[in-house]
Amino acid sequence: MNEKSANGILSTTIEKVRDLVDVSTIIGEPMNLPEGITIIPISKVTYGFASGGSDFPSKNNVELFGGAGGAGITINPVAFLVIKDGDVSIRHIVSNDNAAERAVTMIPEMFDKVVNLADKIKKDKDQSAEETAE
């Protein structure tokens, strides 16, 4: 097999895919809304490559090579980062396939809810202590 030809096919395929996909494909450009909200899209990118080739016998001692290569890319939007007043939250736009993934994605949101609840309880406690002191 003529390795230079097969290598060339794969290199060209990878180069073309590299031209299509960059980091801004995964983490998109921030969008600033008038209310002071910034939204950053996040996508999942999957890709695959295939190439192959073969030398063909020739009666004239000329190297004959036949080969092909290809690639496939899938880009799926999966979430948005929402930034408002210094708070960052993530909003998923696809359903999670399994319970473990669902639990991991819920941790930041649950943490924020617990912190907000603790802050509210502390504020209510401080306010009732002030009212008692008066």
N, C-alpha and C. Protein backbone atom coordinates (compact mmCIF):
# COMPACT_ATOMS: atom_id res chain seq x y z
N MET A 1 0.84 -1.18 0.00
CA MET A 1 0.00 0.00 0.00
C MET A 1 0.88 1.24 0.00
N ASN A 2 0.57 2.19 -0.79
CA ASN A 2 1.33 3.43 -0.87
C ASN A 2 0.93 4.32 0.30
N GLU A 3 1.77 4.32 1.34
CA GLU A 3 1.43 5.03 2.57
C GLU A 3 1.32 6.53 2.37
N LYS A 4 2.11 7.09 1.48
CA LYS A 4 2.05 8.53 1.26
C LYS A 4 0.69 8.93 0.71
N SER A 5 0.11 8.14 -0.15
CA SER A 5 -1.19 8.47 -0.71
C SER A 5 -2.30 8.34 0.33
N ALA A 6 -2.30 7.25 1.10
CA ALA A 6 -3.31 7.08 2.14
C ALA A 6 -3.15 8.15 3.21
N ASN A 7 -1.92 8.47 3.56
CA ASN A 7 -1.64 9.52 4.54
C ASN A 7 -2.13 10.86 4.02
N GLY A 8 -1.93 11.11 2.75
CA GLY A 8 -2.38 12.37 2.16
C GLY A 8 -3.89 12.51 2.19
N ILE A 9 -4.59 11.41 1.93
CA ILE A 9 -6.06 11.43 1.97
C ILE A 9 -6.54 11.79 3.37
N LEU A 10 -6.00 11.11 4.38
CA LEU A 10 -6.43 11.37 5.76
C LEU A 10 -6.04 12.78 6.20
N SER A 11 -4.85 13.22 5.85
CA SER A 11 -4.41 14.58 6.22
C SER A 11 -5.32 15.64 5.61
N THR A 12 -5.69 15.46 4.35
CA THR A 12 -6.58 16.42 3.69
C THR A 12 -7.95 16.43 4.37
N THR A 13 -8.46 15.25 4.71
CA THR A 13 -9.75 15.16 5.38
C THR A 13 -9.72 15.87 6.73
N ILE A 14 -8.69 15.61 7.52
CA ILE A 14 -8.57 16.25 8.83
C ILE A 14 -8.43 17.76 8.69
N GLU A 15 -7.67 18.20 7.72
CA GLU A 15 -7.49 19.64 7.49
C GLU A 15 -8.82 20.32 7.16
N LYS A 16 -9.63 19.68 6.33
CA LYS A 16 -10.92 20.25 5.96
C LYS A 16 -11.86 20.32 7.16
N VAL A 17 -11.85 19.30 8.01
CA VAL A 17 -12.69 19.32 9.21
C VAL A 17 -12.20 20.40 10.16
N ARG A 18 -10.90 20.54 10.29
CA ARG A 18 -10.32 21.56 11.16
C ARG A 18 -10.76 22.96 10.72
N ASP A 19 -10.89 23.16 9.41
CA ASP A 19 -11.37 24.44 8.89
C ASP A 19 -12.82 24.70 9.28
N LEU A 20 -13.61 23.62 9.42
CA LEU A 20 -15.03 23.77 9.74
C LEU A 20 -15.30 24.01 11.22
N VAL A 21 -14.53 23.35 12.08
CA VAL A 21 -14.82 23.36 13.52
C VAL A 21 -13.68 24.03 14.27
N ASP A 22 -14.02 25.01 15.09
CA ASP A 22 -13.05 25.61 15.99
C ASP A 22 -13.70 25.77 17.36
N VAL A 23 -13.00 26.37 18.29
CA VAL A 23 -13.51 26.46 19.65
C VAL A 23 -14.80 27.26 19.73
N SER A 24 -15.00 28.24 18.83
CA SER A 24 -16.23 29.02 18.89
C SER A 24 -17.43 28.20 18.41
N THR A 25 -17.20 27.03 17.84
CA THR A 25 -18.30 26.13 17.51
C THR A 25 -18.86 25.50 18.77
N ILE A 26 -18.00 25.22 19.73
CA ILE A 26 -18.42 24.58 20.98
C ILE A 26 -18.92 25.63 21.97
N ILE A 27 -18.11 26.62 22.26
CA ILE A 27 -18.51 27.74 23.12
C ILE A 27 -18.74 28.92 22.18
N GLY A 28 -20.00 29.28 21.98
CA GLY A 28 -20.34 30.30 21.00
C GLY A 28 -20.01 31.71 21.45
N GLU A 29 -20.27 32.64 20.57
CA GLU A 29 -20.03 34.06 20.85
C GLU A 29 -21.07 34.56 21.85
N PRO A 30 -20.66 35.32 22.85
CA PRO A 30 -21.61 35.86 23.83
C PRO A 30 -22.60 36.82 23.16
N MET A 31 -23.85 36.72 23.60
CA MET A 31 -24.90 37.63 23.12
C MET A 31 -25.33 38.49 24.29
N ASN A 32 -25.18 39.81 24.15
CA ASN A 32 -25.56 40.73 25.21
C ASN A 32 -26.96 41.26 24.96
N LEU A 33 -27.84 41.07 25.94
CA LEU A 33 -29.21 41.56 25.84
C LEU A 33 -29.34 42.88 26.57
N PRO A 34 -30.33 43.69 26.21
CA PRO A 34 -30.46 45.03 26.81
C PRO A 34 -30.67 45.02 28.33
N GLU A 35 -31.23 43.95 28.89
CA GLU A 35 -31.50 43.91 30.33
C GLU A 35 -30.25 43.60 31.16
N GLY A 36 -29.08 43.62 30.54
CA GLY A 36 -27.84 43.30 31.26
C GLY A 36 -27.60 41.81 31.37
N ILE A 37 -28.25 41.04 30.53
CA ILE A 37 -28.10 39.59 30.53
C ILE A 37 -27.18 39.21 29.37
N THR A 38 -26.25 38.31 29.65
CA THR A 38 -25.38 37.78 28.61
C THR A 38 -25.67 36.29 28.46
N ILE A 39 -25.85 35.86 27.22
CA ILE A 39 -26.13 34.45 26.93
C ILE A 39 -25.01 33.91 26.05
N ILE A 40 -24.46 32.75 26.47
CA ILE A 40 -23.39 32.11 25.71
C ILE A 40 -23.85 30.70 25.33
N PRO A 41 -24.01 30.43 24.03
CA PRO A 41 -24.44 29.09 23.61
C PRO A 41 -23.32 28.06 23.73
N ILE A 42 -23.71 26.83 24.08
CA ILE A 42 -22.76 25.72 24.20
C ILE A 42 -23.28 24.57 23.34
N SER A 43 -22.39 24.00 22.52
CA SER A 43 -22.78 22.91 21.63
C SER A 43 -21.90 21.69 21.86
N LYS A 44 -22.43 20.55 21.51
CA LYS A 44 -21.69 19.29 21.55
C LYS A 44 -21.29 18.97 20.11
N VAL A 45 -20.00 18.74 19.89
CA VAL A 45 -19.49 18.44 18.56
C VAL A 45 -18.94 17.02 18.56
N THR A 46 -19.42 16.20 17.64
CA THR A 46 -18.87 14.86 17.46
C THR A 46 -18.45 14.71 16.00
N TYR A 47 -17.39 13.95 15.81
CA TYR A 47 -16.91 13.78 14.45
C TYR A 47 -16.26 12.41 14.31
N GLY A 48 -16.15 11.97 13.06
CA GLY A 48 -15.50 10.70 12.77
C GLY A 48 -14.80 10.78 11.43
N PHE A 49 -13.78 9.99 11.27
CA PHE A 49 -12.98 9.97 10.05
C PHE A 49 -12.91 8.55 9.51
N ALA A 50 -12.76 8.46 8.21
CA ALA A 50 -12.50 7.17 7.58
C ALA A 50 -11.66 7.42 6.33
N SER A 51 -10.71 6.56 6.10
CA SER A 51 -9.94 6.63 4.86
C SER A 51 -9.40 5.24 4.57
N GLY A 52 -9.13 5.03 3.33
CA GLY A 52 -8.59 3.73 2.95
C GLY A 52 -8.07 3.79 1.53
N GLY A 53 -7.33 2.80 1.18
CA GLY A 53 -6.79 2.77 -0.16
C GLY A 53 -6.12 1.45 -0.43
N SER A 54 -5.75 1.29 -1.67
CA SER A 54 -5.11 0.05 -2.07
C SER A 54 -4.23 0.30 -3.29
N ASP A 55 -3.11 -0.42 -3.34
CA ASP A 55 -2.27 -0.42 -4.53
C ASP A 55 -2.86 -1.44 -5.50
N PHE A 56 -2.85 -1.11 -6.77
CA PHE A 56 -3.35 -2.02 -7.79
C PHE A 56 -2.17 -2.57 -8.59
N PRO A 57 -2.22 -3.84 -8.92
CA PRO A 57 -1.14 -4.42 -9.72
C PRO A 57 -1.13 -3.80 -11.13
N SER A 58 0.05 -3.61 -11.65
CA SER A 58 0.18 -3.01 -12.97
C SER A 58 1.21 -3.78 -13.77
N LYS A 59 0.95 -3.98 -15.04
CA LYS A 59 1.90 -4.68 -15.91
C LYS A 59 3.05 -3.78 -16.32
N ASN A 60 2.88 -2.47 -16.20
CA ASN A 60 3.90 -1.51 -16.64
C ASN A 60 4.81 -1.06 -15.51
N ASN A 61 4.77 -1.70 -14.34
CA ASN A 61 5.55 -1.32 -13.16
C ASN A 61 5.28 0.12 -12.72
N VAL A 62 4.10 0.61 -12.98
CA VAL A 62 3.68 1.93 -12.53
C VAL A 62 2.84 1.74 -11.27
N GLU A 63 3.12 2.53 -10.25
CA GLU A 63 2.34 2.41 -9.03
C GLU A 63 0.96 3.02 -9.26
N LEU A 64 -0.05 2.22 -9.08
CA LEU A 64 -1.42 2.69 -9.19
C LEU A 64 -2.05 2.59 -7.80
N PHE A 65 -2.58 3.69 -7.35
CA PHE A 65 -3.19 3.74 -6.02
C PHE A 65 -4.61 4.25 -6.15
N GLY A 66 -5.52 3.61 -5.49
CA GLY A 66 -6.90 4.08 -5.41
C GLY A 66 -7.28 4.23 -3.96
N GLY A 67 -7.88 5.31 -3.62
CA GLY A 67 -8.25 5.51 -2.22
C GLY A 67 -9.31 6.57 -2.07
N ALA A 68 -9.85 6.64 -0.88
CA ALA A 68 -10.88 7.63 -0.58
C ALA A 68 -10.84 7.94 0.90
N GLY A 69 -11.38 9.06 1.23
CA GLY A 69 -11.46 9.45 2.63
C GLY A 69 -12.72 10.26 2.85
N GLY A 70 -13.14 10.34 4.09
CA GLY A 70 -14.33 11.11 4.39
C GLY A 70 -14.42 11.40 5.87
N ALA A 71 -15.30 12.29 6.20
CA ALA A 71 -15.51 12.65 7.60
C ALA A 71 -16.96 13.03 7.80
N GLY A 72 -17.42 12.89 9.00
CA GLY A 72 -18.77 13.31 9.36
C GLY A 72 -18.72 14.13 10.64
N ILE A 73 -19.52 15.17 10.69
CA ILE A 73 -19.56 16.04 11.86
C ILE A 73 -21.01 16.24 12.27
N THR A 74 -21.26 16.20 13.57
CA THR A 74 -22.57 16.52 14.11
C THR A 74 -22.39 17.61 15.15
N ILE A 75 -23.16 18.67 15.03
CA ILE A 75 -23.11 19.76 16.01
C ILE A 75 -24.51 19.90 16.60
N ASN A 76 -24.61 19.69 17.92
CA ASN A 76 -25.90 19.78 18.60
C ASN A 76 -25.83 20.84 19.68
N PRO A 77 -26.71 21.84 19.66
CA PRO A 77 -26.76 22.79 20.78
C PRO A 77 -27.27 22.05 22.02
N VAL A 78 -26.59 22.23 23.15
CA VAL A 78 -26.98 21.50 24.36
C VAL A 78 -27.37 22.39 25.53
N ALA A 79 -26.84 23.62 25.58
CA ALA A 79 -27.12 24.46 26.74
C ALA A 79 -26.77 25.91 26.45
N PHE A 80 -27.17 26.77 27.37
CA PHE A 80 -26.80 28.17 27.34
C PHE A 80 -26.28 28.55 28.72
N LEU A 81 -25.17 29.30 28.76
CA LEU A 81 -24.74 29.94 30.01
C LEU A 81 -25.45 31.27 30.06
N VAL A 82 -26.10 31.55 31.18
CA VAL A 82 -26.82 32.81 31.34
C VAL A 82 -26.14 33.57 32.47
N ILE A 83 -25.68 34.79 32.16
CA ILE A 83 -24.99 35.62 33.16
C ILE A 83 -25.85 36.85 33.40
N LYS A 84 -26.25 37.04 34.65
CA LYS A 84 -27.08 38.20 35.02
C LYS A 84 -26.67 38.66 36.41
N ASP A 85 -26.32 39.92 36.51
CA ASP A 85 -25.92 40.53 37.79
C ASP A 85 -24.81 39.74 38.48
N GLY A 86 -23.86 39.22 37.72
CA GLY A 86 -22.74 38.48 38.28
C GLY A 86 -23.05 37.02 38.61
N ASP A 87 -24.30 36.60 38.48
CA ASP A 87 -24.67 35.21 38.72
C ASP A 87 -24.65 34.46 37.40
N VAL A 88 -24.08 33.26 37.43
CA VAL A 88 -24.00 32.43 36.23
C VAL A 88 -24.85 31.19 36.45
N SER A 89 -25.71 30.91 35.47
CA SER A 89 -26.50 29.67 35.53
C SER A 89 -26.43 29.00 34.17
N ILE A 90 -26.72 27.72 34.17
CA ILE A 90 -26.71 26.98 32.92
C ILE A 90 -28.12 26.49 32.64
N ARG A 91 -28.56 26.66 31.42
CA ARG A 91 -29.90 26.24 31.01
C ARG A 91 -29.74 25.19 29.91
N HIS A 92 -30.10 23.95 30.24
CA HIS A 92 -29.98 22.85 29.28
C HIS A 92 -31.14 22.89 28.31
N ILE A 93 -30.87 22.53 27.07
CA ILE A 93 -31.94 22.51 26.08
C ILE A 93 -32.15 21.11 25.51
N VAL A 94 -31.43 20.13 26.04
CA VAL A 94 -31.65 18.74 25.66
C VAL A 94 -31.88 17.94 26.92
N SER A 95 -32.66 16.88 26.80
CA SER A 95 -32.89 16.04 27.96
C SER A 95 -31.68 15.14 28.18
N ASN A 96 -31.42 14.84 29.44
CA ASN A 96 -30.31 13.95 29.77
C ASN A 96 -30.77 12.50 29.61
N ASP A 97 -29.87 11.68 29.14
CA ASP A 97 -30.22 10.29 28.84
C ASP A 97 -30.20 9.38 30.06
N ASN A 98 -29.39 9.70 31.05
CA ASN A 98 -29.32 8.79 32.19
C ASN A 98 -29.36 9.56 33.50
N ALA A 99 -29.64 8.84 34.56
CA ALA A 99 -29.82 9.46 35.87
C ALA A 99 -28.54 10.09 36.40
N ALA A 100 -27.39 9.46 36.16
CA ALA A 100 -26.12 10.01 36.66
C ALA A 100 -25.83 11.36 36.01
N GLU A 101 -26.03 11.45 34.70
CA GLU A 101 -25.79 12.71 34.00
C GLU A 101 -26.76 13.78 34.49
N ARG A 102 -28.01 13.40 34.69
CA ARG A 102 -29.02 14.32 35.19
C ARG A 102 -28.63 14.85 36.58
N ALA A 103 -28.15 13.97 37.45
CA ALA A 103 -27.76 14.38 38.80
C ALA A 103 -26.59 15.36 38.76
N VAL A 104 -25.61 15.07 37.92
CA VAL A 104 -24.43 15.96 37.82
C VAL A 104 -24.84 17.34 37.32
N THR A 105 -25.72 17.40 36.35
CA THR A 105 -26.12 18.70 35.81
C THR A 105 -27.01 19.48 36.78
N MET A 106 -27.65 18.78 37.71
CA MET A 106 -28.52 19.46 38.67
C MET A 106 -27.75 20.04 39.86
N ILE A 107 -26.54 19.58 40.11
CA ILE A 107 -25.79 20.00 41.30
C ILE A 107 -25.63 21.52 41.38
N PRO A 108 -25.18 22.22 40.34
CA PRO A 108 -25.02 23.67 40.47
C PRO A 108 -26.33 24.39 40.79
N GLU A 109 -27.41 23.97 40.15
CA GLU A 109 -28.71 24.61 40.40
C GLU A 109 -29.19 24.34 41.82
N MET A 110 -29.03 23.10 42.29
CA MET A 110 -29.43 22.78 43.67
C MET A 110 -28.57 23.53 44.68
N PHE A 111 -27.28 23.66 44.41
CA PHE A 111 -26.39 24.40 45.29
C PHE A 111 -26.85 25.85 45.41
N ASP A 112 -27.19 26.47 44.27
CA ASP A 112 -27.68 27.85 44.29
C ASP A 112 -28.95 27.97 45.11
N LYS A 113 -29.85 27.02 44.98
CA LYS A 113 -31.11 27.05 45.74
C LYS A 113 -30.85 26.93 47.24
N VAL A 114 -29.93 26.04 47.63
CA VAL A 114 -29.62 25.87 49.05
C VAL A 114 -28.97 27.14 49.61
N VAL A 115 -28.04 27.73 48.85
CA VAL A 115 -27.39 28.97 49.30
C VAL A 115 -28.42 30.08 49.45
N ASN A 116 -29.32 30.22 48.48
CA ASN A 116 -30.36 31.25 48.57
C ASN A 116 -31.28 31.02 49.76
N LEU A 117 -31.64 29.76 50.02
CA LEU A 117 -32.48 29.44 51.16
C LEU A 117 -31.76 29.76 52.47
N ALA A 118 -30.49 29.40 52.56
CA ALA A 118 -29.71 29.68 53.77
C ALA A 118 -29.59 31.19 53.99
N ASP A 119 -29.36 31.94 52.92
CA ASP A 119 -29.29 33.40 53.04
C ASP A 119 -30.61 33.98 53.52
N LYS A 120 -31.73 33.45 53.01
CA LYS A 120 -33.05 33.94 53.41
C LYS A 120 -33.31 33.63 54.88
N ILE A 121 -32.97 32.43 55.31
CA ILE A 121 -33.16 32.05 56.72
C ILE A 121 -32.32 32.94 57.63
N LYS A 122 -31.06 33.19 57.23
CA LYS A 122 -30.19 34.05 58.03
C LYS A 122 -30.74 35.47 58.09
N LYS A 123 -31.20 35.98 56.97
CA LYS A 123 -31.75 37.33 56.92
C LYS A 123 -32.99 37.44 57.81
N ASP A 124 -33.89 36.43 57.73
CA ASP A 124 -35.09 36.42 58.58
C ASP A 124 -34.72 36.34 60.06
N LYS A 125 -33.70 35.54 60.38
CA LYS A 125 -33.25 35.39 61.77
C LYS A 125 -32.67 36.70 62.28
N ASP A 126 -31.84 37.36 61.47
CA ASP A 126 -31.25 38.64 61.85
C ASP A 126 -32.34 39.70 62.02
N GLN A 127 -33.33 39.68 61.15
CA GLN A 127 -34.40 40.67 61.21
C GLN A 127 -35.25 40.45 62.47
N SER A 128 -35.53 39.18 62.83
CA SER A 128 -36.32 38.94 64.02
C SER A 128 -35.50 39.26 65.28
N ALA A 129 -34.19 39.06 65.23
CA ALA A 129 -33.35 39.42 66.36
C ALA A 129 -33.34 40.94 66.56
N GLU A 130 -33.33 41.71 65.49
CA GLU A 130 -33.39 43.17 65.58
C GLU A 130 -34.72 43.63 66.14
N GLU A 131 -35.80 42.98 65.71
CA GLU A 131 -37.13 43.35 66.20
C GLU A 131 -37.26 43.04 67.68
N THR A 132 -36.64 41.95 68.13
CA THR A 132 -36.69 41.58 69.54
C THR A 132 -35.89 42.57 70.39
N ALA A 133 -34.77 43.03 69.85
CA ALA A 133 -33.91 43.97 70.57
C ALA A 133 -34.58 45.34 70.72
N GLU A 134 -35.46 45.69 69.80
CA GLU A 134 -36.12 47.00 69.86
C GLU A 134 -37.17 46.94 70.89
